[in-house]
N, C-alpha and C. Protein backbone atom coordinates (compact mmCIF):
# COMPACT_ATOMS: atom_id res chain seq x y z
N UNK A 1 156.47 -35.83 57.28
CA UNK A 1 155.71 -36.60 56.98
C UNK A 1 156.94 -36.83 55.31
N UNK A 2 156.80 -36.48 54.86
CA UNK A 2 157.64 -36.44 53.74
C UNK A 2 158.75 -37.40 53.14
N UNK A 3 159.16 -37.25 55.13
CA UNK A 3 161.05 -38.12 55.25
C UNK A 3 160.14 -39.26 55.37
N UNK A 4 159.35 -39.51 56.02
CA UNK A 4 158.92 -40.91 56.79
C UNK A 4 158.44 -41.72 54.74
N UNK A 5 157.15 -40.49 54.14
CA UNK A 5 157.13 -41.17 53.19
C UNK A 5 158.34 -42.24 52.40
N UNK A 6 159.58 -41.09 52.10
CA UNK A 6 160.18 -41.52 51.40
C UNK A 6 161.42 -43.11 52.12
N UNK A 7 161.47 -42.53 53.14
CA UNK A 7 162.15 -43.77 54.19
C UNK A 7 160.62 -45.25 53.60
N UNK A 8 159.42 -44.77 53.56
CA UNK A 8 158.30 -45.95 53.78
C UNK A 8 158.52 -47.17 52.53
N UNK A 9 158.64 -46.20 51.50
CA UNK A 9 158.29 -46.94 50.23
C UNK A 9 159.22 -47.24 49.86
N UNK A 10 160.66 -46.88 49.72
CA UNK A 10 162.14 -46.56 48.38
C UNK A 10 162.28 -48.12 49.46
N UNK A 11 163.54 -48.56 48.45
CA UNK A 11 164.18 -49.54 48.09
C UNK A 11 165.21 -49.39 48.71
N UNK A 12 165.41 -49.06 49.84
CA UNK A 12 166.60 -48.72 50.88
C UNK A 12 167.02 -49.77 51.75
N UNK A 13 167.93 -50.73 51.68
CA UNK A 13 168.68 -51.63 52.97
C UNK A 13 168.52 -51.16 54.32
N UNK A 14 167.95 -50.10 54.26
CA UNK A 14 167.53 -50.19 55.21
C UNK A 14 166.62 -50.53 55.85
N UNK A 15 165.19 -50.25 54.96
CA UNK A 15 164.02 -51.25 55.23
C UNK A 15 164.12 -52.49 55.47
N UNK A 16 164.05 -52.88 56.67
CA UNK A 16 163.82 -54.81 56.64
C UNK A 16 162.70 -54.86 56.61
N UNK A 17 161.85 -55.81 55.07
CA UNK A 17 160.94 -55.71 54.64
C UNK A 17 161.24 -56.98 54.75
N UNK A 18 159.62 -57.99 54.56
CA UNK A 18 159.70 -59.21 53.84
C UNK A 18 158.80 -59.16 52.85
N UNK A 19 159.03 -59.64 52.54
CA UNK A 19 157.95 -59.55 50.64
C UNK A 19 157.42 -61.11 50.60
N UNK A 20 156.58 -61.35 49.96
CA UNK A 20 155.63 -61.98 50.08
C UNK A 20 156.08 -62.79 48.51
N UNK A 21 156.56 -63.54 48.20
CA UNK A 21 156.85 -64.83 47.09
C UNK A 21 155.24 -64.65 46.15
N UNK A 22 154.32 -64.76 46.72
CA UNK A 22 153.28 -65.27 46.31
C UNK A 22 152.45 -64.52 46.04
N UNK A 23 152.26 -63.69 46.99
CA UNK A 23 151.20 -62.21 46.62
C UNK A 23 152.24 -60.71 46.15
N UNK A 24 153.60 -60.28 46.46
CA UNK A 24 154.23 -59.85 46.12
C UNK A 24 154.27 -58.80 44.65
N UNK A 25 154.13 -59.74 44.03
CA UNK A 25 153.64 -59.09 42.72
C UNK A 25 152.78 -59.69 41.83
N UNK A 26 152.02 -58.90 40.94
CA UNK A 26 150.73 -58.96 40.37
C UNK A 26 150.60 -58.79 39.18
N UNK A 27 151.33 -58.41 38.51
CA UNK A 27 152.08 -57.77 36.83
C UNK A 27 151.95 -55.63 36.55
N UNK A 28 150.90 -56.10 38.36
CA UNK A 28 150.98 -54.08 38.42
C UNK A 28 151.50 -53.58 39.01
N UNK A 29 151.87 -53.65 40.43
CA UNK A 29 151.54 -53.69 41.57
C UNK A 29 152.53 -54.19 42.31
N UNK A 30 153.74 -53.60 43.39
CA UNK A 30 154.75 -54.18 44.11
C UNK A 30 154.16 -54.30 45.68
N UNK A 31 154.25 -54.86 46.45
CA UNK A 31 153.99 -55.41 47.82
C UNK A 31 154.87 -55.42 48.72
N UNK A 32 154.96 -55.40 50.20
CA UNK A 32 155.74 -55.66 51.01
C UNK A 32 155.56 -55.26 52.15
N UNK A 33 155.72 -56.28 53.68
CA UNK A 33 155.90 -55.94 54.79
C UNK A 33 156.58 -56.11 55.37
N UNK A 34 156.39 -55.12 56.95
CA UNK A 34 157.31 -54.67 57.41
C UNK A 34 156.55 -55.37 59.05
N UNK A 35 156.91 -55.01 60.43
CA UNK A 35 156.80 -54.84 61.63
C UNK A 35 156.75 -54.10 62.26
N UNK A 36 156.82 -53.05 63.11
CA UNK A 36 157.42 -51.81 63.33
C UNK A 36 156.84 -52.36 64.88
N UNK A 37 157.80 -52.69 65.91
CA UNK A 37 157.75 -52.51 66.61
C UNK A 37 158.17 -51.69 67.99
N UNK A 38 159.02 -50.40 67.37
CA UNK A 38 160.12 -49.39 68.21
C UNK A 38 159.91 -47.92 67.58
N UNK A 39 159.85 -47.69 66.73
CA UNK A 39 159.47 -46.46 66.09
C UNK A 39 157.57 -45.64 66.44
N UNK A 40 158.01 -44.33 67.35
CA UNK A 40 156.64 -44.49 68.00
C UNK A 40 156.27 -43.57 67.04
N UNK A 41 156.93 -43.00 65.83
CA UNK A 41 156.53 -42.18 64.90
C UNK A 41 155.93 -42.78 63.46
N UNK A 42 155.28 -44.25 63.49
CA UNK A 42 154.42 -45.25 63.13
C UNK A 42 153.78 -45.69 63.47
N UNK A 43 152.55 -46.01 63.11
CA UNK A 43 151.70 -47.18 63.88
C UNK A 43 152.60 -48.62 64.59
N UNK A 44 152.18 -49.03 65.30
CA UNK A 44 152.82 -50.72 65.85
C UNK A 44 151.72 -51.46 65.39
N UNK A 45 153.11 -52.48 64.73
CA UNK A 45 151.81 -53.60 64.29
C UNK A 45 152.88 -53.82 63.04
N UNK A 46 152.12 -54.43 62.56
CA UNK A 46 152.40 -55.11 60.81
C UNK A 46 151.76 -53.89 60.11
N UNK A 47 153.09 -53.81 59.36
CA UNK A 47 151.76 -52.18 58.07
C UNK A 47 152.75 -52.96 56.46
N UNK A 48 151.39 -52.72 55.79
CA UNK A 48 151.40 -53.64 54.54
C UNK A 48 151.53 -52.17 53.33
N UNK A 49 151.88 -52.61 52.38
CA UNK A 49 152.73 -51.18 51.37
C UNK A 49 152.74 -52.01 50.30
N UNK A 50 152.20 -51.29 49.09
CA UNK A 50 151.33 -51.15 48.00
C UNK A 50 151.59 -50.40 47.25
N UNK A 51 152.63 -50.22 46.04
CA UNK A 51 153.36 -49.50 45.18
C UNK A 51 152.70 -49.70 43.89
N UNK A 52 152.46 -48.93 42.97
CA UNK A 52 152.45 -49.18 41.67
C UNK A 52 152.60 -48.06 40.87
N UNK A 53 153.29 -48.12 39.29
CA UNK A 53 153.88 -46.57 38.80
C UNK A 53 153.03 -46.76 37.32
N UNK A 54 152.92 -45.86 36.49
CA UNK A 54 152.06 -46.06 35.71
C UNK A 54 153.02 -45.10 34.87
N UNK A 55 152.72 -45.64 33.21
CA UNK A 55 152.95 -44.08 32.11
C UNK A 55 151.40 -43.17 32.05
N UNK A 56 151.72 -41.99 32.25
CA UNK A 56 150.07 -41.23 31.64
C UNK A 56 150.68 -39.95 30.84
N UNK A 57 149.40 -40.06 29.23
CA UNK A 57 150.00 -38.81 29.03
C UNK A 57 149.30 -36.81 29.51
N UNK A 58 150.00 -36.85 30.29
CA UNK A 58 149.58 -35.73 30.97
C UNK A 58 150.39 -34.75 31.29
N UNK A 59 151.17 -34.11 31.50
CA UNK A 59 151.63 -33.24 31.97
C UNK A 59 152.66 -33.51 33.06
N UNK A 60 153.30 -33.46 34.34
CA UNK A 60 153.22 -33.76 35.46
C UNK A 60 153.43 -32.35 36.32
N UNK A 61 153.11 -31.10 35.87
CA UNK A 61 152.35 -30.06 36.35
C UNK A 61 150.89 -30.46 36.62
N UNK A 62 150.31 -30.65 35.68
CA UNK A 62 148.67 -30.75 36.08
C UNK A 62 148.47 -32.05 37.05
N UNK A 63 148.49 -33.26 36.59
CA UNK A 63 149.20 -34.33 37.76
C UNK A 63 148.74 -33.64 39.19
N UNK A 64 149.98 -32.80 39.26
CA UNK A 64 150.55 -32.19 40.21
C UNK A 64 149.74 -31.34 41.02
N UNK A 65 148.77 -30.79 40.42
CA UNK A 65 147.74 -29.15 40.67
C UNK A 65 146.67 -30.28 41.08
N UNK A 66 146.75 -31.11 40.09
CA UNK A 66 144.73 -31.94 40.04
C UNK A 66 145.23 -32.70 41.21
N UNK A 67 146.95 -33.17 42.15
CA UNK A 67 146.03 -33.68 43.59
C UNK A 67 146.45 -32.76 44.56
N UNK A 68 146.96 -32.10 44.27
CA UNK A 68 146.46 -31.03 45.53
C UNK A 68 145.76 -30.26 45.61
N UNK A 69 145.05 -30.57 44.85
CA UNK A 69 143.57 -28.57 44.94
C UNK A 69 143.11 -29.86 46.17
N UNK A 70 142.23 -29.50 46.60
CA UNK A 70 141.03 -29.90 47.63
C UNK A 70 139.90 -30.55 47.59
N UNK A 71 139.91 -28.98 46.19
CA UNK A 71 138.54 -29.36 46.27
C UNK A 71 138.62 -30.28 44.86
N UNK A 72 139.54 -30.85 44.45
CA UNK A 72 139.75 -32.31 43.17
C UNK A 72 139.36 -33.60 44.08
N UNK A 73 139.57 -33.08 45.15
CA UNK A 73 139.83 -35.19 45.49
C UNK A 73 139.08 -35.68 45.85
N UNK A 74 138.16 -35.97 45.81
CA UNK A 74 136.90 -36.23 45.23
C UNK A 74 137.16 -37.24 43.88
N UNK A 75 137.81 -36.61 43.19
CA UNK A 75 138.02 -37.07 41.40
C UNK A 75 139.09 -38.53 41.87
N UNK A 76 139.49 -38.35 42.65
CA UNK A 76 140.35 -39.87 43.11
C UNK A 76 140.83 -40.25 44.45
N UNK A 77 140.04 -39.72 45.79
CA UNK A 77 140.39 -40.50 46.70
C UNK A 77 138.83 -41.10 47.44
N UNK A 78 139.24 -42.53 47.02
CA UNK A 78 137.36 -42.56 47.26
C UNK A 78 136.92 -42.85 48.49
N UNK A 79 138.03 -42.46 49.22
CA UNK A 79 137.51 -41.98 50.80
C UNK A 79 136.40 -40.52 50.54
N UNK A 80 136.59 -40.23 49.75
CA UNK A 80 135.94 -37.99 49.48
C UNK A 80 134.69 -38.53 48.54
N UNK A 81 135.00 -39.48 47.85
CA UNK A 81 133.61 -39.67 46.88
C UNK A 81 132.15 -39.25 47.52
N UNK A 82 131.86 -37.87 47.36
CA UNK A 82 130.21 -37.62 47.52
C UNK A 82 130.29 -36.76 48.83
N UNK A 83 131.80 -36.72 48.95
CA UNK A 83 131.78 -36.00 50.62
C UNK A 83 132.62 -34.31 50.00
N UNK A 84 132.58 -33.43 51.31
CA UNK A 84 132.83 -32.39 51.11
C UNK A 84 134.16 -32.39 51.85
N UNK A 85 135.10 -31.93 51.09
CA UNK A 85 136.41 -31.81 51.57
C UNK A 85 136.64 -29.93 51.81
N UNK A 86 136.72 -29.95 52.75
CA UNK A 86 137.23 -28.17 53.47
C UNK A 86 139.09 -28.18 53.56
N UNK A 87 139.44 -27.30 53.00
CA UNK A 87 140.83 -27.06 53.87
C UNK A 87 140.77 -26.24 55.28
N UNK A 88 141.79 -27.00 56.57
CA UNK A 88 141.23 -26.26 57.59
C UNK A 88 142.89 -25.13 57.95
N UNK A 89 143.62 -25.57 57.47
CA UNK A 89 144.60 -24.90 58.01
C UNK A 89 145.96 -25.04 56.54
N UNK A 90 146.56 -24.12 56.57
CA UNK A 90 148.42 -24.43 55.22
C UNK A 90 148.80 -23.48 55.72
N UNK A 91 150.15 -24.70 55.97
CA UNK A 91 151.33 -23.66 56.26
C UNK A 91 152.10 -24.01 55.16
N UNK A 92 152.77 -22.61 54.98
CA UNK A 92 153.65 -22.75 54.14
C UNK A 92 155.39 -22.84 54.19
N UNK A 93 155.79 -24.03 53.37
CA UNK A 93 157.39 -24.80 53.89
C UNK A 93 158.36 -24.73 53.01
N UNK A 94 157.75 -23.45 51.90
CA UNK A 94 158.52 -22.96 51.03
C UNK A 94 158.84 -22.07 49.94
N UNK A 95 159.21 -21.20 49.53
CA UNK A 95 159.24 -20.45 49.08
C UNK A 95 158.30 -20.41 47.59
N UNK A 96 158.56 -21.36 47.18
CA UNK A 96 157.47 -22.42 45.92
C UNK A 96 155.73 -22.48 46.70
N UNK A 97 154.97 -21.88 45.67
CA UNK A 97 153.27 -21.53 46.30
C UNK A 97 153.25 -23.23 46.25
N UNK A 98 154.08 -24.27 45.79
CA UNK A 98 153.45 -25.67 45.94
C UNK A 98 153.87 -26.50 47.14
N UNK A 99 154.84 -25.81 47.52
CA UNK A 99 155.23 -26.68 49.01
C UNK A 99 154.98 -26.35 49.88
N UNK A 100 153.77 -26.91 51.15
CA UNK A 100 152.72 -26.23 51.32
C UNK A 100 152.26 -27.65 52.48
N UNK A 101 152.15 -27.32 53.45
CA UNK A 101 151.19 -28.52 54.89
C UNK A 101 150.16 -28.24 54.27
N UNK A 102 149.46 -28.97 54.20
CA UNK A 102 147.22 -28.58 54.77
C UNK A 102 146.32 -29.36 55.31
N UNK A 103 145.87 -29.16 56.35
CA UNK A 103 145.21 -29.98 56.90
C UNK A 103 143.70 -29.95 56.77
N UNK A 104 143.35 -31.03 56.05
CA UNK A 104 141.86 -31.00 55.91
C UNK A 104 140.78 -31.66 56.58
N UNK A 105 139.39 -31.58 56.19
CA UNK A 105 138.77 -32.37 56.73
C UNK A 105 137.55 -32.35 55.59
N UNK A 106 137.28 -34.26 55.64
CA UNK A 106 136.31 -34.98 55.09
C UNK A 106 134.90 -34.64 55.57
N UNK A 107 134.11 -34.15 55.01
CA UNK A 107 132.53 -34.00 56.16
C UNK A 107 131.61 -35.35 55.09
N UNK A 108 130.77 -35.82 56.07
CA UNK A 108 130.31 -36.36 55.44
C UNK A 108 129.09 -35.77 54.63
N UNK A 109 129.13 -36.12 53.52
CA UNK A 109 127.39 -35.41 52.95
C UNK A 109 126.47 -35.75 53.75
N UNK A 110 126.62 -36.68 54.56
CA UNK A 110 125.33 -37.55 55.72
C UNK A 110 125.81 -35.98 56.90
N UNK A 111 125.08 -35.26 57.48
CA UNK A 111 125.05 -34.53 58.05
C UNK A 111 125.69 -35.48 59.56
N UNK A 112 125.07 -36.33 60.01
CA UNK A 112 125.65 -37.22 61.41
C UNK A 112 126.77 -38.10 60.80
N UNK A 113 127.08 -38.07 59.53
CA UNK A 113 128.43 -38.83 59.06
C UNK A 113 129.98 -38.56 59.89
N UNK A 114 130.76 -39.30 60.48
CA UNK A 114 131.62 -38.67 60.91
C UNK A 114 132.45 -38.30 60.13
N UNK A 115 133.41 -37.01 61.00
CA UNK A 115 134.25 -36.28 59.88
C UNK A 115 135.63 -36.92 60.40
N UNK A 116 136.47 -36.92 59.13
CA UNK A 116 137.59 -37.22 58.77
C UNK A 116 138.79 -35.73 58.68
N UNK A 117 139.77 -36.32 59.74
CA UNK A 117 140.84 -34.93 59.32
C UNK A 117 142.23 -35.70 57.98
N UNK A 118 142.69 -34.98 57.14
CA UNK A 118 143.79 -35.61 56.71
C UNK A 118 144.38 -34.61 56.83
N UNK A 119 145.97 -35.43 57.18
CA UNK A 119 147.44 -33.96 56.59
C UNK A 119 148.08 -34.68 55.39
N UNK A 120 148.19 -33.26 55.13
CA UNK A 120 148.25 -33.48 53.88
C UNK A 120 150.24 -32.43 53.58
N UNK A 121 151.17 -32.98 52.67
CA UNK A 121 152.24 -31.87 52.40
C UNK A 121 152.73 -32.75 51.00
N UNK A 122 152.61 -30.91 50.42
CA UNK A 122 153.26 -31.42 49.00
C UNK A 122 153.99 -30.66 48.72
N UNK A 123 155.06 -31.34 48.15
CA UNK A 123 156.38 -30.77 47.46
C UNK A 123 157.00 -30.48 46.17
N UNK A 124 157.88 -29.80 46.05
CA UNK A 124 157.77 -29.99 44.33
C UNK A 124 158.91 -29.36 43.98
N UNK A 125 159.51 -29.79 42.87
CA UNK A 125 160.44 -29.09 42.19
C UNK A 125 161.05 -28.66 40.97
N UNK A 126 161.95 -28.39 40.41
CA UNK A 126 162.32 -28.80 39.13
C UNK A 126 162.23 -29.92 37.98
N UNK A 127 162.70 -30.91 39.08
CA UNK A 127 162.37 -32.40 38.83
C UNK A 127 161.68 -33.18 38.48
N UNK A 128 161.65 -32.96 40.19
CA UNK A 128 160.51 -33.89 40.55
C UNK A 128 158.79 -32.77 41.42
N UNK A 129 157.87 -33.98 41.53
CA UNK A 129 157.09 -33.41 42.80
C UNK A 129 156.37 -34.58 43.73
N UNK A 130 155.99 -34.68 44.87
CA UNK A 130 155.46 -35.62 45.35
C UNK A 130 154.09 -34.88 46.57
N UNK A 131 153.21 -35.41 46.44
CA UNK A 131 152.41 -35.19 47.41
C UNK A 131 151.77 -36.63 48.63
N UNK A 132 151.35 -36.26 49.75
CA UNK A 132 151.78 -37.36 50.71
C UNK A 132 150.60 -36.36 51.36
N UNK A 133 150.19 -37.81 51.94
CA UNK A 133 148.90 -37.75 52.71
C UNK A 133 148.70 -38.93 54.10
N UNK A 134 148.27 -38.52 55.05
CA UNK A 134 147.76 -39.17 55.98
C UNK A 134 146.61 -39.18 56.63
N UNK A 135 145.31 -39.89 57.27
CA UNK A 135 144.96 -39.77 58.17
C UNK A 135 144.99 -39.12 59.60
N UNK A 136 144.90 -38.27 60.10
CA UNK A 136 145.03 -38.08 61.60
C UNK A 136 143.46 -38.74 62.53
N UNK A 137 144.36 -38.27 64.25
CA UNK A 137 142.98 -38.32 65.09
C UNK A 137 142.71 -36.90 64.94
N UNK A 138 141.60 -36.72 65.80
CA UNK A 138 141.38 -35.39 65.63
C UNK A 138 142.06 -34.85 67.13
N UNK A 139 142.28 -35.81 68.12
CA UNK A 139 142.33 -35.36 69.75
C UNK A 139 143.95 -35.17 68.98
N UNK A 140 144.72 -35.73 68.07
CA UNK A 140 146.47 -35.73 68.88
C UNK A 140 147.23 -34.70 68.17
N UNK A 141 145.67 -34.28 66.92
CA UNK A 141 146.04 -32.79 66.27
C UNK A 141 145.72 -31.89 66.73
N UNK A 142 145.04 -31.54 68.21
CA UNK A 142 144.80 -30.84 68.72
C UNK A 142 145.57 -30.53 69.53
N UNK A 143 146.34 -31.16 69.71
CA UNK A 143 147.33 -31.70 70.43
C UNK A 143 148.42 -31.22 70.16
N UNK A 144 149.04 -31.19 69.02
CA UNK A 144 150.33 -31.37 68.52
C UNK A 144 149.86 -29.11 68.26
N UNK A 145 147.98 -29.10 67.26
CA UNK A 145 148.93 -27.57 67.28
C UNK A 145 148.56 -26.85 68.48
N UNK A 146 148.34 -27.29 69.83
CA UNK A 146 149.14 -26.53 71.20
C UNK A 146 150.24 -26.53 71.97
N UNK A 147 151.03 -27.50 71.32
CA UNK A 147 152.17 -27.70 71.36
C UNK A 147 152.83 -28.69 71.76
N UNK A 148 152.17 -29.69 71.73
CA UNK A 148 152.13 -31.31 71.89
C UNK A 148 153.53 -31.28 70.56
N UNK A 149 153.90 -32.34 71.70
CA UNK A 149 155.42 -33.07 70.74
C UNK A 149 154.73 -33.71 68.85
N UNK A 150 154.89 -33.30 67.95
CA UNK A 150 154.84 -33.98 66.93
C UNK A 150 155.33 -35.45 66.70
N UNK A 151 156.81 -35.37 67.24
CA UNK A 151 157.08 -36.52 66.99
C UNK A 151 156.91 -37.68 67.08
N UNK A 152 155.72 -36.96 68.47
CA UNK A 152 155.00 -39.35 69.21
C UNK A 152 153.52 -39.19 68.36
N UNK A 153 153.29 -38.54 67.19
CA UNK A 153 153.04 -38.81 66.62
C UNK A 153 152.46 -39.76 65.35
N UNK A 154 151.80 -40.98 65.83
CA UNK A 154 152.21 -41.84 64.32
C UNK A 154 151.22 -41.83 63.49
N UNK A 155 152.89 -41.58 62.54
CA UNK A 155 151.84 -40.83 60.62
C UNK A 155 151.76 -42.32 60.50
N UNK A 156 151.50 -43.21 58.85
CA UNK A 156 151.18 -44.10 57.88
C UNK A 156 151.02 -43.51 56.81
N UNK A 157 152.23 -42.21 55.91
CA UNK A 157 151.39 -41.72 55.07
C UNK A 157 151.30 -42.53 53.44
N UNK A 158 150.48 -42.55 53.28
CA UNK A 158 149.75 -42.60 51.67
C UNK A 158 150.86 -41.07 50.36
N UNK A 159 151.03 -42.48 49.30
CA UNK A 159 150.52 -40.59 48.40
C UNK A 159 151.42 -40.88 46.81
N UNK A 160 151.92 -40.19 46.52
CA UNK A 160 151.95 -40.14 45.00
C UNK A 160 153.37 -39.22 44.78
N UNK A 161 154.47 -40.02 43.75
CA UNK A 161 155.90 -39.67 43.30
C UNK A 161 155.13 -39.21 41.55
N UNK A 162 156.03 -37.30 41.12
CA UNK A 162 155.74 -37.71 40.50
C UNK A 162 156.60 -37.15 39.10
N UNK A 163 157.17 -37.36 37.85
CA UNK A 163 158.50 -37.36 37.28
C UNK A 163 157.82 -37.27 35.91
N UNK A 164 158.79 -36.32 35.65
CA UNK A 164 158.28 -36.38 33.71
C UNK A 164 159.03 -37.30 33.15
N UNK A 165 158.52 -37.89 31.68
CA UNK A 165 159.44 -39.07 31.16
C UNK A 165 160.53 -38.58 29.96
N UNK A 166 161.54 -38.52 30.69
CA UNK A 166 162.58 -38.09 30.19
C UNK A 166 163.49 -38.43 28.99
N UNK A 167 162.87 -39.30 28.92
CA UNK A 167 163.77 -40.50 27.58
C UNK A 167 162.18 -40.62 26.36
N UNK A 168 160.53 -40.23 26.95
CA UNK A 168 160.84 -39.84 25.91
C UNK A 168 160.88 -38.53 24.91
N UNK A 169 160.49 -37.36 25.89
CA UNK A 169 161.09 -36.20 25.35
C UNK A 169 162.83 -36.34 24.89
N UNK A 170 163.75 -37.00 24.99
CA UNK A 170 164.80 -37.34 24.87
C UNK A 170 164.68 -37.67 23.09
N UNK A 171 163.88 -39.01 22.96
CA UNK A 171 163.66 -39.08 21.69
C UNK A 171 163.43 -38.56 21.12
N UNK A 172 162.10 -37.51 21.44
CA UNK A 172 161.28 -36.83 20.70
C UNK A 172 162.20 -35.78 20.37
N UNK A 173 163.27 -35.71 20.81
CA UNK A 173 164.34 -34.06 20.45
C UNK A 173 165.14 -34.64 19.49
N UNK A 174 165.77 -36.65 19.10
CA UNK A 174 166.58 -36.99 18.38
C UNK A 174 165.77 -36.66 17.44
N UNK A 175 164.56 -37.00 17.34
CA UNK A 175 164.16 -37.54 16.06
C UNK A 175 163.66 -36.41 15.31
N UNK A 176 163.63 -35.37 16.18
CA UNK A 176 162.94 -33.62 15.73
C UNK A 176 161.65 -33.93 15.71
N UNK A 177 161.51 -34.64 16.57
CA UNK A 177 159.92 -34.68 16.58
C UNK A 177 159.33 -33.59 17.44
N UNK A 178 157.87 -33.88 18.08
CA UNK A 178 157.22 -32.77 19.38
C UNK A 178 157.13 -33.10 20.12
N UNK A 179 157.64 -32.97 21.50
CA UNK A 179 158.18 -33.48 22.37
C UNK A 179 156.27 -33.21 22.90
N UNK A 180 155.61 -34.20 23.70
CA UNK A 180 154.45 -35.09 23.86
C UNK A 180 154.72 -34.88 25.62
N UNK A 181 153.92 -34.20 26.66
CA UNK A 181 153.66 -34.25 28.08
C UNK A 181 152.93 -35.35 28.26
N UNK A 182 154.14 -36.84 29.42
CA UNK A 182 154.04 -37.76 29.73
C UNK A 182 154.72 -37.34 31.02
N UNK A 183 154.04 -38.96 31.74
CA UNK A 183 153.98 -38.21 33.64
C UNK A 183 154.81 -40.01 34.21
N UNK A 184 155.88 -40.72 34.51
CA UNK A 184 155.37 -41.28 35.40
C UNK A 184 155.15 -41.17 36.76
N UNK A 185 153.65 -41.90 36.90
CA UNK A 185 153.65 -41.74 37.77
C UNK A 185 153.35 -43.03 39.01
N UNK A 186 154.10 -42.49 40.40
CA UNK A 186 153.90 -43.78 41.14
C UNK A 186 152.67 -43.96 42.52
N UNK A 187 151.81 -44.57 42.70
CA UNK A 187 150.71 -44.72 43.72
C UNK A 187 151.64 -45.24 45.14
N UNK A 188 151.46 -44.84 46.14
CA UNK A 188 151.63 -45.96 47.23
C UNK A 188 150.69 -45.53 47.63
N UNK A 189 150.54 -46.87 48.82
CA UNK A 189 150.00 -46.59 50.19
C UNK A 189 150.15 -47.70 50.30
N UNK A 190 149.88 -47.19 52.27
CA UNK A 190 150.32 -48.37 53.14
C UNK A 190 148.27 -48.09 54.15
N UNK A 191 148.81 -49.38 54.50
CA UNK A 191 147.71 -49.27 56.34
C UNK A 191 148.13 -50.95 57.06
N UNK A 192 147.77 -50.73 58.57
CA UNK A 192 148.10 -51.31 59.38
C UNK A 192 147.56 -52.56 59.21
N UNK A 193 147.53 -53.77 59.24
CA UNK A 193 147.19 -54.74 59.28
C UNK A 193 147.15 -56.01 60.29
N UNK A 194 146.11 -56.97 60.45
CA UNK A 194 146.18 -57.21 61.79
C UNK A 194 146.70 -58.85 61.35
N UNK A 195 146.88 -59.56 60.17
CA UNK A 195 147.48 -60.55 60.39
C UNK A 195 148.70 -61.63 60.48
N UNK A 196 149.53 -60.45 61.30
CA UNK A 196 150.33 -60.83 62.33
C UNK A 196 151.37 -61.16 61.25
N UNK A 197 152.51 -62.30 61.41
CA UNK A 197 153.33 -62.35 60.16
C UNK A 197 153.72 -62.81 59.44
N UNK A 198 152.47 -63.78 59.56
CA UNK A 198 152.34 -64.73 58.22
C UNK A 198 151.71 -63.77 57.35
N UNK A 199 153.16 -64.76 56.04
CA UNK A 199 152.70 -63.70 54.74
C UNK A 199 151.65 -64.00 54.21
N UNK A 200 151.14 -65.01 54.20
CA UNK A 200 149.79 -65.86 53.69
C UNK A 200 148.52 -65.63 53.91
N UNK A 201 148.56 -64.84 54.74
CA UNK A 201 147.89 -64.20 55.49
C UNK A 201 146.99 -63.10 54.62
N UNK A 202 147.88 -62.59 54.09
CA UNK A 202 148.12 -61.20 52.79
C UNK A 202 147.11 -61.43 51.89
N UNK A 203 146.61 -61.83 51.48
CA UNK A 203 145.96 -62.24 50.44
C UNK A 203 144.68 -60.74 50.38
N UNK A 204 144.40 -60.69 51.40
CA UNK A 204 143.13 -60.04 52.05
C UNK A 204 143.70 -58.24 51.13
N UNK A 205 144.34 -57.86 52.12
CA UNK A 205 145.07 -56.88 51.78
C UNK A 205 145.40 -56.20 50.69
N UNK A 206 146.12 -57.43 50.31
CA UNK A 206 146.72 -56.96 48.73
C UNK A 206 145.35 -57.22 47.79
N UNK A 207 144.45 -57.25 47.85
CA UNK A 207 143.14 -57.39 46.61
C UNK A 207 142.85 -56.31 47.24
N UNK A 208 142.24 -55.43 48.48
CA UNK A 208 142.07 -54.34 48.77
C UNK A 208 142.75 -52.81 48.10
N UNK A 209 144.46 -52.93 48.12
CA UNK A 209 145.54 -52.39 48.07
C UNK A 209 145.16 -52.12 46.12
N UNK A 210 144.77 -53.14 45.58
CA UNK A 210 144.95 -53.61 44.23
C UNK A 210 143.55 -52.30 43.75
N UNK A 211 141.90 -52.52 44.30
CA UNK A 211 141.65 -52.17 44.35
C UNK A 211 141.13 -50.61 44.88
N UNK A 212 141.99 -49.69 45.62
CA UNK A 212 142.40 -48.75 45.89
C UNK A 212 143.56 -48.01 44.85
N UNK A 213 143.81 -48.75 44.06
CA UNK A 213 145.02 -48.22 43.69
C UNK A 213 144.47 -48.02 41.86
N UNK A 214 143.64 -48.95 41.74
CA UNK A 214 142.70 -49.18 40.39
C UNK A 214 142.19 -47.91 40.50
N UNK A 215 141.18 -47.71 41.64
CA UNK A 215 140.19 -46.99 41.48
C UNK A 215 141.15 -45.30 41.97
N UNK A 216 141.99 -44.72 42.64
CA UNK A 216 142.82 -43.85 42.66
C UNK A 216 143.35 -44.10 41.20
N UNK A 217 144.28 -44.34 40.06
CA UNK A 217 144.56 -44.24 38.67
C UNK A 217 143.36 -44.17 38.29
N UNK A 218 142.39 -44.36 38.17
CA UNK A 218 141.34 -44.31 37.38
C UNK A 218 141.31 -43.25 36.85
N UNK A 219 140.42 -42.56 38.56
CA UNK A 219 140.47 -41.66 38.87
C UNK A 219 140.94 -39.96 37.83
N UNK A 220 143.04 -40.24 37.85
CA UNK A 220 143.13 -39.19 37.63
C UNK A 220 142.82 -39.31 36.44
N UNK A 221 142.99 -40.49 36.15
CA UNK A 221 142.74 -41.00 34.32
C UNK A 221 141.69 -39.40 33.71
N UNK A 222 140.81 -39.96 34.54
CA UNK A 222 140.01 -39.47 34.00
C UNK A 222 139.59 -37.76 33.57
N UNK A 223 140.07 -37.71 35.24
CA UNK A 223 139.96 -36.34 35.21
C UNK A 223 141.12 -35.49 34.37
N UNK A 224 142.20 -36.36 34.14
CA UNK A 224 143.54 -35.80 33.20
C UNK A 224 143.01 -36.28 30.97
N UNK A 225 142.07 -36.70 31.75
CA UNK A 225 142.13 -37.47 30.01
C UNK A 225 142.04 -36.26 28.88
N UNK A 226 142.26 -36.25 27.80
CA UNK A 226 142.73 -35.51 26.60
C UNK A 226 141.19 -35.16 25.78
């Protein structure tokens, strides 16, 4: 899933994306559109992606731990607001304790509300960290856990890239000042839309994506504000 995220939201020339000149740039966000007709590992149809980056005065570790902790998910994930989030299972992927895949269940506060499953993968090293997630189908996950081929489960991950502000750190060292923690946080969301190939129809998903990204960033800021 991490590799899907890398390839889906990167600026690689392998991505044959169309960019709407009218709606692709809104000052704080970039958006792109592509159409998938052949890859069974991602949903078929028109895929809308939106990305935003910002500097924030909190350490990369602090932000990574906030995002990784399922018990604090309600602080930034608008789908988990007021809901109870449980970790169903966890698979460690490396000796680094921050690197693992987890299956989360979001239970509606109302006993009659539908439960949602979220597959989440986190990865950290000395330079950067990533956390990606996507909603998954319950029946498909049961099949995979029973031995079915996961390559045919369509995943469309959203997520975060977290890197330190090395420029600010170098400037602080150069001026013999005190280095302060600052992070470059990139937020990316993806979704399938149903407006065909006409990019002029993407004003609605762009507005929704902007609202969602702003809500995510606001939640992270509130949780890490000193």
